[in-house]
Amino acid sequence: QVHLVESGGGLVQAGGSLRLSCTVSGRIFSSYALAWFRQGPGEERMFVAAISVNSNTYYAHFVKGRFTISRDNARNTVYLQMYALKPEDTAVYYCAADLYSGDSAYALVSRITYHDWGQGTQVTVSS
């Protein structure tokens, strides 16, 4: 069974940065497509960033240029480096994984693609 554990959330001032980490246990990490989603208060869970098994990356328009997703297959960890944070980035951030081996952007940004999820980590950006 796959187990995902996020860390790195916290409180930061607008303009600051944070790095989220998600460690994945279970099967072969390199076989997983990985993504970050977020859910703000009263909002639906929405796509933030994804990285395929081939390390191709995809971003939501509202984080492009500010956030970077990366993976370290040796450490079984996916990262989300966040810069220039805004109050509207405040949300619970979730790590997601799936044994999807393709590079379809449509699939990689879709919530329904991912079958395994972490418990979430809170990010709060103060103005």
Foldseek 3Di string as FASTA:
>chain_A
DKAKAKDWADEEAAQAKIKMKIAIDDPQLLLKKKFKWWDDVPGDIFGAKIAASVRDIDGDPVQPPFWDWDDDSVRNMIMIIGGRDDQVVWTWMKMFIDSDHDDDPVLGRDPVNTDDIHPTDTHGYHD
